[in-house]
Amino acid sequence: MNRKPIIAANWKMNKTATEAVQFIEKFENLVGGSSLVDIAIAPAFIALSASKELLVNSSTTALAAQNCHFEESGAFTGEISIGMLKDIGVDYVIIGHSERRAIFGENDALINAKAKSLHAAGVNPIFCIGETLEERDGGEIESVLRRQLEDGLKDLDSVNMIQTVIAYEPVWAIGTGRTATPEQAQEAHAFTRSVIREIFGDSVADQIRIQYGGSVKPDNTKELMGQEDVDGALVGGASLDPESFADICKNAAISD
């Protein structure tokens, strides 16, 4: 099935609201309203409103958030609810990122609660999975990915899943300059799709988009995206420069 690529920028804890506006103004001019790929930008929480003001009429770029809380409201100091994000106009929320898992101790049950709450609110999750170097070297890739998928996507239905984007990010390739080879990425993506097929059936498995994340750059995008089961990219460091990120988006469109 021909799945439309989706390229998402995860800025992490970078860029002020002013810098986000400057980036988006330049980036939108560079990508020129291409309809060949879906694009999302995930700035820091404080830059979401200013970013949305620029993107509200964009035919190219959607707005994403980097995290959310699964409760609607309450005594959760420092947290951001999905309703708050939806009110700004956020289209996607990244959940399950390896940094949230490793640094902040988020487990599959918590990530699953976020996924269910996002779907209940009509916001699309970008659901991250991936193995560490130790798990890869120990031959645990498939067991780790299966656990993250089965537990993190528990109780979601087929309609929910078609609106979900999965991002496979080998933890050892995030911010390290190391990138999984196209063959390694394809192998992990194909396995991920096979697990989705087991749980949710052929229709969902054929339609769901699976991004690759981990030191994605303009010069490796086309080859990565040329793999059968790689449907996009979740981009970290290379998304902080508008020209670099625009080149990634253009190369993704070419590979399609």
Protein backbone atom coordinates (compact mmCIF):
# COMPACT_ATOMS: atom_id res chain seq x y z
CA MET A 1 0.00 0.00 0.00
CA ASN A 2 1.19 3.51 -0.82
CA ARG A 3 1.44 5.28 2.54
CA LYS A 4 2.03 9.03 2.56
CA PRO A 5 5.32 9.78 4.35
CA ILE A 6 5.21 11.79 7.56
CA ILE A 7 8.24 13.77 8.71
CA ALA A 8 8.19 15.19 12.24
CA ALA A 9 10.64 17.56 13.93
CA ASN A 10 11.28 16.97 17.62
CA TRP A 11 13.06 20.07 18.90
CA LYS A 12 13.33 18.72 22.45
CA MET A 13 14.46 21.45 24.91
CA ASN A 14 15.63 23.86 22.23
CA LYS A 15 14.41 27.17 20.77
CA THR A 16 12.56 30.01 22.46
CA ALA A 17 9.18 31.12 21.14
CA THR A 18 10.92 33.87 19.17
CA GLU A 19 13.36 31.40 17.64
CA ALA A 20 10.49 29.04 16.78
CA VAL A 21 8.70 31.80 14.89
CA GLN A 22 11.86 32.66 12.97
CA PHE A 23 12.37 29.00 12.06
CA ILE A 24 8.80 28.46 10.86
CA GLU A 25 8.78 31.62 8.74
CA LYS A 26 11.91 30.46 6.92
CA PHE A 27 10.93 26.79 6.75
CA GLU A 28 7.51 27.44 5.24
CA ASN A 29 9.12 29.40 2.44
CA LEU A 30 11.57 26.58 1.79
CA VAL A 31 9.10 23.70 1.57
CA GLY A 32 6.71 25.58 -0.70
CA GLY A 33 3.45 23.87 0.20
CA SER A 34 4.43 20.38 -0.94
CA SER A 35 1.59 17.87 -0.71
CA LEU A 36 3.82 14.81 -1.14
CA VAL A 37 4.62 14.45 2.56
CA ASP A 38 2.90 15.25 5.84
CA ILE A 39 5.06 17.43 8.09
CA ALA A 40 4.79 18.14 11.82
CA ILE A 41 6.89 20.36 14.07
CA ALA A 42 7.09 19.77 17.82
CA PRO A 43 8.49 22.84 19.62
CA ALA A 44 8.71 23.32 23.38
CA PHE A 45 5.42 23.93 25.19
CA ILE A 46 6.08 27.68 25.53
CA ALA A 47 6.41 28.03 21.75
CA LEU A 48 3.25 26.15 20.76
CA SER A 49 0.87 29.12 20.67
CA ALA A 50 3.21 31.36 18.69
CA SER A 51 3.95 28.50 16.29
CA LYS A 52 0.26 27.77 15.73
CA GLU A 53 -0.40 31.40 14.79
CA LEU A 54 1.99 30.95 11.87
CA LEU A 55 0.84 27.44 10.93
CA VAL A 56 -2.92 27.95 11.16
CA ASN A 57 -3.20 28.48 7.40
CA SER A 58 -0.33 26.20 6.40
CA SER A 59 -1.17 23.54 3.85
CA THR A 60 2.10 21.79 4.63
CA THR A 61 2.91 21.70 8.31
CA ALA A 62 1.00 20.49 11.38
CA LEU A 63 1.74 21.29 15.01
CA ALA A 64 2.89 18.64 17.48
CA ALA A 65 3.67 18.63 21.19
CA GLN A 66 6.47 16.68 22.82
CA ASN A 67 4.50 15.25 25.73
CA CYS A 68 1.20 15.35 27.61
CA HIS A 69 -0.48 14.17 30.80
CA PHE A 70 -3.20 11.55 30.53
CA GLU A 71 -5.58 13.16 33.05
CA GLU A 72 -7.97 15.92 31.97
CA SER A 73 -7.02 18.22 34.85
CA GLY A 74 -5.95 18.15 38.48
CA ALA A 75 -3.13 18.61 40.94
CA PHE A 76 -0.26 17.74 38.62
CA THR A 77 2.18 20.61 39.01
CA GLY A 78 4.18 21.30 35.87
CA GLU A 79 2.11 19.04 33.61
CA ILE A 80 0.16 19.90 30.46
CA SER A 81 -3.22 18.32 29.68
CA ILE A 82 -4.37 17.13 26.28
CA GLY A 83 -7.26 19.59 26.45
CA MET A 84 -4.80 22.46 26.82
CA LEU A 85 -2.86 21.25 23.81
CA LYS A 86 -6.00 20.72 21.75
CA ASP A 87 -7.17 24.24 22.59
CA ILE A 88 -3.95 25.62 21.06
CA GLY A 89 -4.50 23.53 17.94
CA VAL A 90 -2.02 20.70 18.39
CA ASP A 91 -2.52 17.85 15.91
CA TYR A 92 0.01 15.29 17.18
CA VAL A 93 1.66 14.47 20.50
CA ILE A 94 4.88 12.49 20.85
CA ILE A 95 4.65 9.81 23.54
CA GLY A 96 6.99 7.04 24.66
CA HIS A 97 10.18 8.76 23.51
CA SER A 98 13.28 6.99 24.83
CA GLU A 99 14.29 10.10 26.77
CA ARG A 100 10.94 10.08 28.58
CA ARG A 101 11.35 6.37 29.28
CA ALA A 102 15.00 6.50 30.41
CA ILE A 103 15.30 9.89 32.12
CA PHE A 104 11.80 10.31 33.52
CA GLY A 105 10.97 6.67 34.19
CA GLU A 106 7.89 6.41 31.98
CA ASN A 107 6.75 2.82 31.54
CA ASP A 108 4.50 1.10 29.02
CA ALA A 109 1.41 1.40 31.24
CA LEU A 110 1.80 5.17 31.55
CA ILE A 111 2.42 5.54 27.83
CA ASN A 112 -0.67 3.43 27.14
CA ALA A 113 -2.75 5.73 29.36
CA LYS A 114 -1.53 8.71 27.32
CA ALA A 115 -2.33 6.95 24.03
CA LYS A 116 -5.89 6.18 25.12
CA SER A 117 -6.48 9.71 26.41
CA LEU A 118 -5.12 11.23 23.21
CA HIS A 119 -7.47 9.17 21.07
CA ALA A 120 -10.41 9.98 23.34
CA ALA A 121 -9.66 13.66 22.71
CA GLY A 122 -9.18 13.25 18.96
CA VAL A 123 -5.44 14.01 18.96
CA ASN A 124 -3.01 11.73 17.10
CA PRO A 125 -0.16 10.05 18.99
CA ILE A 126 3.33 9.65 17.62
CA PHE A 127 4.10 6.50 19.56
CA CYS A 128 7.82 5.80 20.02
CA ILE A 129 9.45 2.41 20.46
CA GLY A 130 13.05 1.22 20.31
CA GLU A 131 15.81 -0.86 21.85
CA THR A 132 19.00 0.11 23.65
CA LEU A 133 22.43 -0.98 22.45
CA GLU A 134 22.58 -3.58 25.23
CA GLU A 135 19.22 -5.00 24.18
CA ARG A 136 20.30 -5.09 20.53
CA ASP A 137 23.61 -6.79 21.34
CA GLY A 138 21.77 -9.22 23.61
CA GLY A 139 19.45 -10.33 20.82
CA GLU A 140 16.40 -8.82 22.54
CA ILE A 141 15.21 -6.47 19.78
CA GLU A 142 12.06 -8.36 18.91
CA SER A 143 11.05 -9.07 22.51
CA VAL A 144 11.55 -5.42 23.48
CA LEU A 145 9.61 -4.07 20.50
CA ARG A 146 6.82 -6.61 20.98
CA ARG A 147 6.44 -5.69 24.66
CA GLN A 148 6.37 -1.97 23.93
CA LEU A 149 3.75 -2.47 21.20
CA GLU A 150 1.53 -4.93 23.05
CA ASP A 151 1.56 -3.07 26.36
CA GLY A 152 1.72 0.48 25.03
CA LEU A 153 -1.14 0.00 22.54
CA LYS A 154 -3.34 -2.13 24.80
CA ASP A 155 -7.11 -1.62 24.42
CA LEU A 156 -6.84 0.61 21.35
CA ASP A 157 -9.12 -0.26 18.46
CA SER A 158 -8.56 -0.33 14.73
CA VAL A 159 -9.83 3.21 14.18
CA ASN A 160 -7.45 4.48 16.87
CA MET A 161 -4.54 2.64 15.33
CA ILE A 162 -4.98 4.01 11.83
CA GLN A 163 -4.70 7.50 13.35
CA THR A 164 -1.55 6.54 15.27
CA VAL A 165 1.95 7.07 13.93
CA ILE A 166 4.61 4.68 15.22
CA ALA A 167 8.19 5.92 15.45
CA TYR A 168 10.90 3.27 15.65
CA GLU A 169 13.96 4.81 17.28
CA PRO A 170 16.94 2.60 18.08
CA VAL A 171 18.06 4.27 21.30
CA TRP A 172 21.72 3.76 20.42
CA ALA A 173 21.27 5.92 17.30
CA ILE A 174 19.58 8.95 18.90
CA GLY A 175 21.88 11.95 19.00
CA THR A 176 24.97 9.77 18.64
CA GLY A 177 25.71 10.29 14.98
CA ARG A 178 25.22 6.55 14.49
CA THR A 179 22.39 5.55 12.21
CA ALA A 180 20.85 2.17 11.68
CA THR A 181 21.63 0.96 8.19
CA PRO A 182 18.67 1.03 5.82
CA GLU A 183 18.59 -2.77 6.11
CA GLN A 184 18.52 -2.62 9.93
CA ALA A 185 15.76 -0.02 9.85
CA GLN A 186 13.72 -2.07 7.39
CA GLU A 187 14.11 -5.22 9.47
CA ALA A 188 12.85 -3.49 12.62
CA HIS A 189 10.02 -1.76 10.76
CA ALA A 190 8.93 -4.99 9.09
CA PHE A 191 8.86 -6.74 12.45
CA THR A 192 6.89 -3.87 13.98
CA ARG A 193 4.34 -4.06 11.17
CA SER A 194 4.07 -7.83 11.64
CA VAL A 195 3.20 -7.37 15.32
CA ILE A 196 0.61 -4.75 14.42
CA ARG A 197 -0.80 -7.23 11.91
CA GLU A 198 -1.07 -9.92 14.60
CA ILE A 199 -2.87 -7.60 17.02
CA PHE A 200 -5.00 -5.39 14.78
CA GLY A 201 -5.26 -7.19 11.45
CA ASP A 202 -4.22 -6.64 7.86
CA SER A 203 -6.06 -3.39 7.17
CA VAL A 204 -4.43 -1.54 10.09
CA ALA A 205 -0.99 -3.01 9.40
CA ASP A 206 -1.17 -1.97 5.77
CA GLN A 207 -2.26 1.60 6.56
CA ILE A 208 -0.34 2.55 9.70
CA ARG A 209 2.72 4.72 9.16
CA ILE A 210 6.00 3.79 10.85
CA GLN A 211 8.67 6.47 11.09
CA TYR A 212 12.39 5.95 11.59
CA GLY A 213 14.20 8.12 14.13
CA GLY A 214 17.87 8.22 15.05
CA SER A 215 20.42 10.65 13.56
CA VAL A 216 18.31 11.28 10.45
CA LYS A 217 20.02 13.78 8.14
CA PRO A 218 19.41 15.11 4.61
CA ASP A 219 22.04 12.81 3.15
CA ASN A 220 20.59 9.56 4.54
CA THR A 221 16.88 10.34 4.24
CA LYS A 222 16.32 9.14 0.70
CA GLU A 223 17.92 5.74 1.26
CA LEU A 224 16.13 5.19 4.57
CA MET A 225 12.81 6.24 3.12
CA GLY A 226 13.32 3.97 0.14
CA GLN A 227 12.78 0.95 2.36
CA GLU A 228 9.42 -0.76 1.97
CA ASP A 229 8.24 -0.34 5.56
CA VAL A 230 9.81 3.04 6.41
CA ASP A 231 7.06 5.64 6.10
CA GLY A 232 8.72 8.75 7.48
CA ALA A 233 11.16 10.12 10.00
CA LEU A 234 11.14 11.58 13.50
CA VAL A 235 14.02 14.05 13.34
CA GLY A 236 15.96 15.48 16.27
CA GLY A 237 19.11 17.54 15.84
CA ALA A 238 18.84 17.94 12.08
CA SER A 239 15.40 19.51 12.49
CA LEU A 240 16.78 22.52 14.38
CA ASP A 241 18.01 24.13 11.17
CA PRO A 242 15.23 25.11 8.71
CA GLU A 243 17.30 24.37 5.60
CA SER A 244 18.38 20.97 6.90
CA PHE A 245 14.84 20.00 7.89
CA ALA A 246 13.44 21.27 4.58
CA ASP A 247 15.98 19.13 2.72
CA ILE A 248 14.92 16.07 4.73
CA CYS A 249 11.28 16.70 3.82
CA LYS A 250 12.13 17.20 0.15
CA ASN A 251 14.26 14.05 0.06
CA ALA A 252 11.45 12.08 1.67
CA ALA A 253 9.11 13.27 -1.07
CA ILE A 254 11.62 12.26 -3.75
CA SER A 255 12.06 8.77 -2.30
CA ASP A 256 8.30 8.30 -2.34
